[in-house]
Amino acid sequence: MMSKKRRTRDKESQKKAKPRYTNYAHIFYKEEVAPLERAYKRALLGEQYKEAEDIFMKIREVKKKHRTILMRKQFVKIK
């Protein structure tokens, strides 16, 4: 005995992917603060203390800005 043929229905289209968001402060940290911190560590390892001091002051300025951005909780779309 053969089984009954199954009737195929049109497949429903899938929902679009839900947009993803991230905090703008995280992007700011990745693009502004992190490179300065890496440069600061390199300067200290290379014993370039004058340059390290300048970079440290820049880091302080940028981190102040980062803190204010963090409190705003502004979200941006990614992908």
Protein backbone atom coordinates (compact mmCIF):
# COMPACT_ATOMS: atom_id res chain seq x y z
CA MET A 1 0.00 0.00 0.00
CA MET A 2 1.25 3.42 -0.84
CA SER A 3 0.95 6.36 1.50
CA LYS A 4 -1.11 9.37 0.62
CA LYS A 5 0.61 12.21 -1.13
CA ARG A 6 1.07 15.18 1.09
CA ARG A 7 -0.18 18.47 -0.15
CA THR A 8 2.49 21.17 -0.10
CA ARG A 9 1.45 24.63 0.89
CA ASP A 10 3.20 27.80 -0.10
CA LYS A 11 5.81 28.55 2.47
CA GLU A 12 5.34 31.75 4.38
CA SER A 13 8.03 34.31 3.88
CA GLN A 14 10.30 34.73 6.86
CA LYS A 15 10.25 37.86 8.92
CA LYS A 16 13.09 40.25 8.30
CA ALA A 17 15.90 40.17 10.80
CA LYS A 18 15.32 42.36 13.81
CA PRO A 19 17.59 45.42 13.72
CA ARG A 20 20.43 45.33 16.22
CA TYR A 21 21.40 48.31 18.32
CA THR A 22 24.38 49.16 20.48
CA ASN A 23 25.20 51.97 22.83
CA TYR A 24 27.04 54.80 21.06
CA ALA A 25 29.38 55.07 24.05
CA HIS A 26 30.78 51.60 23.30
CA ILE A 27 31.57 52.59 19.72
CA PHE A 28 33.14 55.82 20.94
CA TYR A 29 35.33 53.90 23.39
CA LYS A 30 36.45 51.46 20.70
CA GLU A 31 37.34 54.21 18.22
CA GLU A 32 38.71 56.95 20.50
CA VAL A 33 39.79 55.70 23.93
CA ALA A 34 41.18 52.23 23.18
CA PRO A 35 43.75 53.37 20.55
CA LEU A 36 45.05 56.03 22.96
CA GLU A 37 45.38 53.47 25.74
CA ARG A 38 47.33 51.16 23.45
CA ALA A 39 49.62 54.03 22.43
CA TYR A 40 50.11 54.91 26.11
CA LYS A 41 51.18 51.36 26.94
CA ARG A 42 53.57 51.30 23.97
CA ALA A 43 55.11 54.59 25.07
CA LEU A 44 55.66 53.30 28.60
CA LEU A 45 57.24 50.09 27.34
CA GLY A 46 59.52 52.13 25.10
CA GLU A 47 60.42 54.38 28.05
CA GLN A 48 59.18 57.49 26.24
CA TYR A 49 57.85 59.14 29.35
CA LYS A 50 57.28 62.64 27.94
CA GLU A 51 55.18 61.25 25.10
CA ALA A 52 53.35 58.95 27.56
CA GLU A 53 52.45 61.96 29.69
CA ASP A 54 50.94 63.77 26.69
CA ILE A 55 48.94 60.70 25.73
CA PHE A 56 47.75 60.27 29.32
CA MET A 57 46.36 63.81 29.35
CA LYS A 58 44.53 63.11 26.07
CA ILE A 59 43.11 59.92 27.59
CA ARG A 60 41.74 61.88 30.55
CA GLU A 61 40.02 64.36 28.23
CA VAL A 62 38.51 61.65 26.06
CA LYS A 63 37.35 59.60 29.06
CA LYS A 64 35.49 62.64 30.42
CA LYS A 65 33.69 62.89 27.10
CA HIS A 66 33.02 59.14 27.16
CA ARG A 67 31.39 59.37 30.59
CA THR A 68 28.95 62.03 29.42
CA ILE A 69 28.10 60.03 26.30
CA LEU A 70 27.60 56.92 28.43
CA MET A 71 25.00 58.67 30.58
CA ARG A 72 22.97 59.71 27.52
CA LYS A 73 22.32 56.07 26.59
CA GLN A 74 22.09 56.91 22.92
CA PHE A 75 21.64 53.80 20.78
CA VAL A 76 22.71 53.40 17.17
CA LYS A 77 21.78 50.76 14.66
CA ILE A 78 24.42 48.23 13.65
CA LYS A 79 24.19 45.96 10.61
